[in-house]
C-alpha cells in the first residue's frame, strides 16, 4: 500500500482533498449538540413552552369547573325532587292522621266529653316535633289547649280566621314561623270545631 502511495502521490492528494471537503461540509452537524441558541430564540422558546403549559392548565381547570357545576346542578335538582316527594308523602300521612283524629274528637265532642279530648291531645303533643294542639269551637272559643298559657285566650287570638275557616284538612308550612295541621271537625251537617296541631320547624 505504501509503495502504491509513493508511486501515485497525485491520487493520494486528491483523496485527502475530497475527504477534507466532505468533513468541512458536514462539520456543522457535529456541532449541533453543543451549539447555543441566541438569547432571543431561547427566550421565545421558553415563553412558548410557558404559554402551552398555561393554556393546558386553564383548559383542564375549565373542564373541571364545568363538570363541578354540572354535578352541583344535578345534585340540586335531585335534592329538590326528593324534598318535593317527601313533602307530598308527609302531607298524605298528615291528612290520614288528621282524618282519624277528627273522627275521634267528633265523637267525644258530640257527647260533650271534653276531658277525654284533653287526654287525646296530651298524647299527641308528646309526638316528636309537636309543639302544641288546640281545639277551637265554631264560635271562636278555645275549648282545649295543651299549652295551658293559652287557656284564657280566644281562638281568634291564636290563629287568624282564614285558618279557622278552612273546610278541609290542610297543612300550612309557615304560620307564625310554624308548620301546622288544620283539621276541621265536622258534625252531621256542619263544622263544629277546628283542631290545629303546631309543629316545630326543622333546622337546616
C-alpha atoms as a PDB file:
ATOM      1  CA  UNK A   1       0.000   0.000   0.000  1.00  0.00           C
ATOM      2  CA  UNK A   2       2.794   2.423   0.890  1.00  0.00           C
ATOM      3  CA  UNK A   3       4.524   1.535  -2.355  1.00  0.00           C
ATOM      4  CA  UNK A   4       1.304   2.384  -4.178  1.00  0.00           C
ATOM      5  CA  UNK A   5       1.031   5.740  -2.381  1.00  0.00           C
ATOM      6  CA  UNK A   6       4.644   6.586  -3.234  1.00  0.00           C
ATOM      7  CA  UNK A   7       4.036   5.656  -6.814  1.00  0.00           C
ATOM      8  CA  UNK A   8       0.730   7.685  -7.061  1.00  0.00           C
ATOM      9  CA  UNK A   9       1.212  10.868  -4.966  1.00  0.00           C
ATOM     10  CA  UNK A  10      -1.336  12.813  -7.014  1.00  0.00           C
ATOM     11  CA  UNK A  11      -4.019  10.202  -6.417  1.00  0.00           C
ATOM     12  CA  UNK A  12      -3.406  10.312  -2.626  1.00  0.00           C
ATOM     13  CA  UNK A  13      -3.603  14.105  -2.616  1.00  0.00           C
ATOM     14  CA  UNK A  14      -6.942  14.034  -4.418  1.00  0.00           C
ATOM     15  CA  UNK A  15      -8.363  11.602  -1.876  1.00  0.00           C
ATOM     16  CA  UNK A  16      -7.182  13.751   1.023  1.00  0.00           C
ATOM     17  CA  UNK A  17      -8.753  16.845  -0.506  1.00  0.00           C
ATOM     18  CA  UNK A  18     -12.030  15.064  -1.122  1.00  0.00           C
ATOM     19  CA  UNK A  19     -12.164  13.797   2.466  1.00  0.00           C
ATOM     20  CA  UNK A  20     -11.336  17.264   3.790  1.00  0.00           C
ATOM     21  CA  UNK A  21     -14.117  18.846   1.754  1.00  0.00           C
ATOM     22  CA  UNK A  22     -16.574  16.229   2.952  1.00  0.00           C
ATOM     23  CA  UNK A  23     -15.657  16.886   6.588  1.00  0.00           C
ATOM     24  CA  UNK A  24     -15.956  20.650   6.243  1.00  0.00           C
ATOM     25  CA  UNK A  25     -19.374  20.331   4.572  1.00  0.00           C
ATOM     26  CA  UNK A  26     -20.915  18.285   7.422  1.00  0.00           C
ATOM     27  CA  UNK A  27     -18.933  19.747  10.272  1.00  0.00           C
ATOM     28  CA  UNK A  28     -21.929  21.891  11.377  1.00  0.00           C
ATOM     29  CA  UNK A  29     -23.985  18.755  12.049  1.00  0.00           C
ATOM     30  CA  UNK A  30     -21.457  17.529  14.551  1.00  0.00           C
ATOM     31  CA  UNK A  31     -21.625  20.852  16.370  1.00  0.00           C
ATOM     32  CA  UNK A  32     -25.444  20.823  16.825  1.00  0.00           C
ATOM     33  CA  UNK A  33     -25.407  19.192  20.301  1.00  0.00           C
ATOM     34  CA  UNK A  34     -23.040  21.835  21.639  1.00  0.00           C
ATOM     35  CA  UNK A  35     -24.499  24.859  19.829  1.00  0.00           C
ATOM     36  CA  UNK A  36     -26.121  27.560  21.949  1.00  0.00           C
ATOM     37  CA  UNK A  37     -29.223  29.277  20.631  1.00  0.00           C
ATOM     38  CA  UNK A  38     -29.211  33.076  20.578  1.00  0.00           C
ATOM     39  CA  UNK A  39     -30.787  34.542  23.730  1.00  0.00           C
ATOM     40  CA  UNK A  40     -33.844  35.920  21.922  1.00  0.00           C
ATOM     41  CA  UNK A  41     -34.657  32.497  20.407  1.00  0.00           C
ATOM     42  CA  UNK A  42     -34.133  30.740  23.733  1.00  0.00           C
ATOM     43  CA  UNK A  43     -36.404  33.254  25.441  1.00  0.00           C
ATOM     44  CA  UNK A  44     -39.046  32.824  22.748  1.00  0.00           C
ATOM     45  CA  UNK A  45     -38.894  29.047  23.120  1.00  0.00           C
ATOM     46  CA  UNK A  46     -39.234  29.239  26.908  1.00  0.00           C
ATOM     47  CA  UNK A  47     -42.124  31.674  26.519  1.00  0.00           C
ATOM     48  CA  UNK A  48     -43.852  29.357  24.067  1.00  0.00           C
ATOM     49  CA  UNK A  49     -43.483  26.437  26.475  1.00  0.00           C
ATOM     50  CA  UNK A  50     -44.926  28.517  29.320  1.00  0.00           C
ATOM     51  CA  UNK A  51     -47.864  29.601  27.151  1.00  0.00           C
ATOM     52  CA  UNK A  52     -48.606  25.991  26.166  1.00  0.00           C
ATOM     53  CA  UNK A  53     -48.443  24.815  29.792  1.00  0.00           C
ATOM     54  CA  UNK A  54     -50.625  27.703  30.987  1.00  0.00           C
ATOM     55  CA  UNK A  55     -53.174  27.067  28.233  1.00  0.00           C
ATOM     56  CA  UNK A  56     -53.315  23.405  29.157  1.00  0.00           C
ATOM     57  CA  UNK A  57     -53.817  24.226  32.843  1.00  0.00           C
ATOM     58  CA  UNK A  58     -56.582  26.720  32.011  1.00  0.00           C
ATOM     59  CA  UNK A  59     -58.292  24.214  29.712  1.00  0.00           C
ATOM     60  CA  UNK A  60     -58.148  21.466  32.356  1.00  0.00           C
ATOM     61  CA  UNK A  61     -59.373  23.880  35.032  1.00  0.00           C
ATOM     62  CA  UNK A  62     -62.318  24.939  32.854  1.00  0.00           C
ATOM     63  CA  UNK A  63     -63.290  21.334  32.184  1.00  0.00           C
ATOM     64  CA  UNK A  64     -63.126  20.560  35.914  1.00  0.00           C
ATOM     65  CA  UNK A  65     -65.145  23.685  36.721  1.00  0.00           C
ATOM     66  CA  UNK A  66     -67.800  22.803  34.132  1.00  0.00           C
ATOM     67  CA  UNK A  67     -68.038  19.257  35.466  1.00  0.00           C
ATOM     68  CA  UNK A  68     -68.340  20.528  39.060  1.00  0.00           C
ATOM     69  CA  UNK A  69     -71.112  22.954  38.065  1.00  0.00           C
ATOM     70  CA  UNK A  70     -72.956  20.220  36.185  1.00  0.00           C
ATOM     71  CA  UNK A  71     -72.705  17.822  39.125  1.00  0.00           C
ATOM     72  CA  UNK A  72     -73.849  20.531  41.549  1.00  0.00           C
ATOM     73  CA  UNK A  73     -76.793  21.381  39.301  1.00  0.00           C
ATOM     74  CA  UNK A  74     -77.808  17.721  39.033  1.00  0.00           C
ATOM     75  CA  UNK A  75     -77.456  17.271  42.788  1.00  0.00           C
ATOM     76  CA  UNK A  76     -79.631  20.345  43.426  1.00  0.00           C
ATOM     77  CA  UNK A  77     -82.322  19.019  41.076  1.00  0.00           C
ATOM     78  CA  UNK A  78     -82.268  15.569  42.674  1.00  0.00           C
ATOM     79  CA  UNK A  79     -82.395  17.081  46.172  1.00  0.00           C
ATOM     80  CA  UNK A  80     -85.328  19.297  45.203  1.00  0.00           C
ATOM     81  CA  UNK A  81     -87.195  16.365  43.703  1.00  0.00           C
ATOM     82  CA  UNK A  82     -86.551  14.295  46.825  1.00  0.00           C
ATOM     83  CA  UNK A  83     -87.846  17.091  49.057  1.00  0.00           C
ATOM     84  CA  UNK A  84     -90.947  17.555  46.936  1.00  0.00           C
ATOM     85  CA  UNK A  85     -91.637  13.824  47.041  1.00  0.00           C
ATOM     86  CA  UNK A  86     -91.049  13.751  50.812  1.00  0.00           C
ATOM     87  CA  UNK A  87     -93.366  16.736  51.287  1.00  0.00           C
ATOM     88  CA  UNK A  88     -96.063  15.041  49.233  1.00  0.00           C
ATOM     89  CA  UNK A  89     -95.761  11.878  51.304  1.00  0.00           C
ATOM     90  CA  UNK A  90     -95.742  13.926  54.513  1.00  0.00           C
ATOM     91  CA  UNK A  91     -98.920  15.765  53.516  1.00  0.00           C
ATOM     92  CA  UNK A  92    -100.677  12.500  52.655  1.00  0.00           C
ATOM     93  CA  UNK A  93     -99.729  10.954  56.003  1.00  0.00           C
ATOM     94  CA  UNK A  94    -100.776  14.074  57.896  1.00  0.00           C
ATOM     95  CA  UNK A  95    -104.123  14.109  56.118  1.00  0.00           C
ATOM     96  CA  UNK A  96    -104.745  10.476  57.089  1.00  0.00           C
ATOM     97  CA  UNK A  97    -103.727  11.232  60.676  1.00  0.00           C
ATOM     98  CA  UNK A  98    -105.968  14.314  60.723  1.00  0.00           C
ATOM     99  CA  UNK A  99    -108.931  12.352  59.402  1.00  0.00           C
ATOM    100  CA  UNK A 100    -108.666   9.715  62.136  1.00  0.00           C
ATOM    101  CA  UNK A 101    -108.156  12.419  64.781  1.00  0.00           C
ATOM    102  CA  UNK A 102    -111.222  14.352  63.625  1.00  0.00           C
ATOM    103  CA  UNK A 103    -113.389  11.219  63.915  1.00  0.00           C
ATOM    104  CA  UNK A 104    -112.174  10.569  67.455  1.00  0.00           C
ATOM    105  CA  UNK A 105    -112.642  14.182  68.576  1.00  0.00           C
ATOM    106  CA  UNK A 106    -116.069  14.490  66.916  1.00  0.00           C
ATOM    107  CA  UNK A 107    -117.441  11.530  68.852  1.00  0.00           C
ATOM    108  CA  UNK A 108    -116.260  12.897  72.189  1.00  0.00           C
ATOM    109  CA  UNK A 109    -117.304  16.458  71.357  1.00  0.00           C
ATOM    110  CA  UNK A 110    -120.854  15.406  70.464  1.00  0.00           C
ATOM    111  CA  UNK A 111    -121.032  13.662  73.862  1.00  0.00           C
ATOM    112  CA  UNK A 112    -119.544  16.814  75.443  1.00  0.00           C
ATOM    113  CA  UNK A 113    -116.684  14.722  76.808  1.00  0.00           C
ATOM    114  CA  UNK A 114    -114.021  17.453  76.834  1.00  0.00           C
ATOM    115  CA  UNK A 115    -111.816  15.672  79.397  1.00  0.00           C
ATOM    116  CA  UNK A 116    -111.380  12.718  77.044  1.00  0.00           C
ATOM    117  CA  UNK A 117    -110.427  15.085  74.217  1.00  0.00           C
ATOM    118  CA  UNK A 118    -107.871  16.698  76.520  1.00  0.00           C
ATOM    119  CA  UNK A 119    -106.312  13.267  77.090  1.00  0.00           C
ATOM    120  CA  UNK A 120    -106.165  12.602  73.327  1.00  0.00           C
ATOM    121  CA  UNK A 121    -104.429  15.909  72.658  1.00  0.00           C
ATOM    122  CA  UNK A 122    -101.993  15.436  75.562  1.00  0.00           C
ATOM    123  CA  UNK A 123    -100.859  12.177  73.957  1.00  0.00           C
ATOM    124  CA  UNK A 124    -100.484  13.808  70.556  1.00  0.00           C
ATOM    125  CA  UNK A 125     -98.333  16.667  71.861  1.00  0.00           C
ATOM    126  CA  UNK A 126     -95.798  14.091  73.084  1.00  0.00           C
ATOM    127  CA  UNK A 127     -95.113  13.083  69.498  1.00  0.00           C
ATOM    128  CA  UNK A 128     -91.796  14.180  68.002  1.00  0.00           C
ATOM    129  CA  UNK A 129     -91.575  17.862  66.951  1.00  0.00           C
ATOM    130  CA  UNK A 130     -95.159  18.527  68.055  1.00  0.00           C
ATOM    131  CA  UNK A 131     -95.335  21.827  69.888  1.00  0.00           C
ATOM    132  CA  UNK A 132     -98.993  22.203  70.863  1.00  0.00           C
ATOM    133  CA  UNK A 133    -102.531  21.162  69.946  1.00  0.00           C
ATOM    134  CA  UNK A 134    -105.618  23.308  70.324  1.00  0.00           C
ATOM    135  CA  UNK A 135    -109.324  22.699  69.750  1.00  0.00           C
ATOM    136  CA  UNK A 136    -111.310  25.803  68.846  1.00  0.00           C
ATOM    137  CA  UNK A 137    -115.087  25.848  68.686  1.00  0.00           C
ATOM    138  CA  UNK A 138    -117.005  27.155  65.694  1.00  0.00           C
ATOM    139  CA  UNK A 139    -117.869  30.263  67.728  1.00  0.00           C
ATOM    140  CA  UNK A 140    -114.139  31.065  68.103  1.00  0.00           C
ATOM    141  CA  UNK A 141    -113.863  29.963  71.733  1.00  0.00           C
ATOM    142  CA  UNK A 142    -110.868  27.911  72.837  1.00  0.00           C
ATOM    143  CA  UNK A 143    -112.172  24.553  74.047  1.00  0.00           C
ATOM    144  CA  UNK A 144    -108.948  22.601  74.751  1.00  0.00           C
ATOM    145  CA  UNK A 145    -105.262  23.501  74.623  1.00  0.00           C
ATOM    146  CA  UNK A 146    -102.166  21.514  75.510  1.00  0.00           C
ATOM    147  CA  UNK A 147    -100.437  24.848  76.191  1.00  0.00           C
ATOM    148  CA  UNK A 148    -102.006  25.920  79.480  1.00  0.00           C
ATOM    149  CA  UNK A 149    -100.802  29.501  78.982  1.00  0.00           C
ATOM    150  CA  UNK A 150    -103.482  29.874  76.314  1.00  0.00           C
ATOM    151  CA  UNK A 151    -106.432  28.754  78.418  1.00  0.00           C
ATOM    152  CA  UNK A 152    -107.791  32.289  78.828  1.00  0.00           C
ATOM    153  CA  UNK A 153    -107.235  33.243  75.171  1.00  0.00           C
ATOM    154  CA  UNK A 154    -109.754  33.199  72.369  1.00  0.00           C
ATOM    155  CA  UNK A 155    -109.242  31.001  69.354  1.00  0.00           C
ATOM    156  CA  UNK A 156    -109.223  34.004  67.033  1.00  0.00           C
ATOM    157  CA  UNK A 157    -106.345  35.473  69.044  1.00  0.00           C
ATOM    158  CA  UNK A 158    -104.245  32.356  68.410  1.00  0.00           C
ATOM    159  CA  UNK A 159    -104.955  31.821  64.696  1.00  0.00           C
ATOM    160  CA  UNK A 160    -106.408  34.095  62.022  1.00  0.00           C
ATOM    161  CA  UNK A 161    -109.936  33.486  60.745  1.00  0.00           C
ATOM    162  CA  UNK A 162    -108.677  32.282  57.386  1.00  0.00           C
ATOM    163  CA  UNK A 163    -107.127  29.302  59.199  1.00  0.00           C
ATOM    164  CA  UNK A 164    -110.168  28.621  61.365  1.00  0.00           C
ATOM    165  CA  UNK A 165    -112.494  28.862  58.372  1.00  0.00           C
ATOM    166  CA  UNK A 166    -110.800  26.083  56.401  1.00  0.00           C
ATOM    167  CA  UNK A 167    -113.262  23.376  55.424  1.00  0.00           C
ATOM    168  CA  UNK A 168    -110.835  20.566  54.682  1.00  0.00           C
ATOM    169  CA  UNK A 169    -107.738  19.075  56.263  1.00  0.00           C
ATOM    170  CA  UNK A 170    -104.771  21.256  55.333  1.00  0.00           C
ATOM    171  CA  UNK A 171    -101.062  21.500  56.030  1.00  0.00           C
ATOM    172  CA  UNK A 172     -99.584  25.009  56.149  1.00  0.00           C
ATOM    173  CA  UNK A 173     -95.818  25.282  56.141  1.00  0.00           C
ATOM    174  CA  UNK A 174     -95.373  28.739  57.673  1.00  0.00           C
ATOM    175  CA  UNK A 175     -97.908  30.249  60.045  1.00  0.00           C
ATOM    176  CA  UNK A 176     -96.120  32.486  62.543  1.00  0.00           C
ATOM    177  CA  UNK A 177     -92.960  30.515  61.776  1.00  0.00           C
ATOM    178  CA  UNK A 178     -94.610  27.166  62.491  1.00  0.00           C
ATOM    179  CA  UNK A 179     -95.850  24.281  60.400  1.00  0.00           C
ATOM    180  CA  UNK A 180     -99.455  23.480  61.276  1.00  0.00           C
ATOM    181  CA  UNK A 181    -102.015  20.805  60.551  1.00  0.00           C
ATOM    182  CA  UNK A 182    -105.550  22.193  60.398  1.00  0.00           C
ATOM    183  CA  UNK A 183    -108.304  19.626  60.962  1.00  0.00           C
ATOM    184  CA  UNK A 184    -111.944  20.700  60.634  1.00  0.00           C
ATOM    185  CA  UNK A 185    -114.187  18.634  62.911  1.00  0.00           C
ATOM    186  CA  UNK A 186    -117.452  18.043  61.091  1.00  0.00           C
ATOM    187  CA  UNK A 187    -120.808  17.304  62.711  1.00  0.00           C
ATOM    188  CA  UNK A 188    -123.732  15.784  60.900  1.00  0.00           C
ATOM    189  CA  UNK A 189    -124.457  18.856  58.785  1.00  0.00           C
ATOM    190  CA  UNK A 190    -121.794  21.435  59.529  1.00  0.00           C
ATOM    191  CA  UNK A 191    -118.401  22.070  61.040  1.00  0.00           C
ATOM    192  CA  UNK A 192    -118.479  22.151  64.837  1.00  0.00           C
ATOM    193  CA  UNK A 193    -114.810  22.839  65.678  1.00  0.00           C
ATOM    194  CA  UNK A 194    -111.272  23.113  64.353  1.00  0.00           C
ATOM    195  CA  UNK A 195    -108.221  21.224  65.580  1.00  0.00           C
ATOM    196  CA  UNK A 196    -104.838  22.833  64.966  1.00  0.00           C
ATOM    197  CA  UNK A 197    -101.608  20.893  65.555  1.00  0.00           C
ATOM    198  CA  UNK A 198     -98.468  23.050  65.576  1.00  0.00           C
ATOM    199  CA  UNK A 199     -95.042  21.580  64.778  1.00  0.00           C
ATOM    200  CA  UNK A 200     -91.548  22.879  65.293  1.00  0.00           C
ATOM    201  CA  UNK A 201     -89.857  23.796  62.037  1.00  0.00           C
ATOM    202  CA  UNK A 202     -86.780  21.612  61.349  1.00  0.00           C
ATOM    203  CA  UNK A 203     -83.448  23.437  61.467  1.00  0.00           C
ATOM    204  CA  UNK A 204     -81.246  23.160  58.365  1.00  0.00           C
END
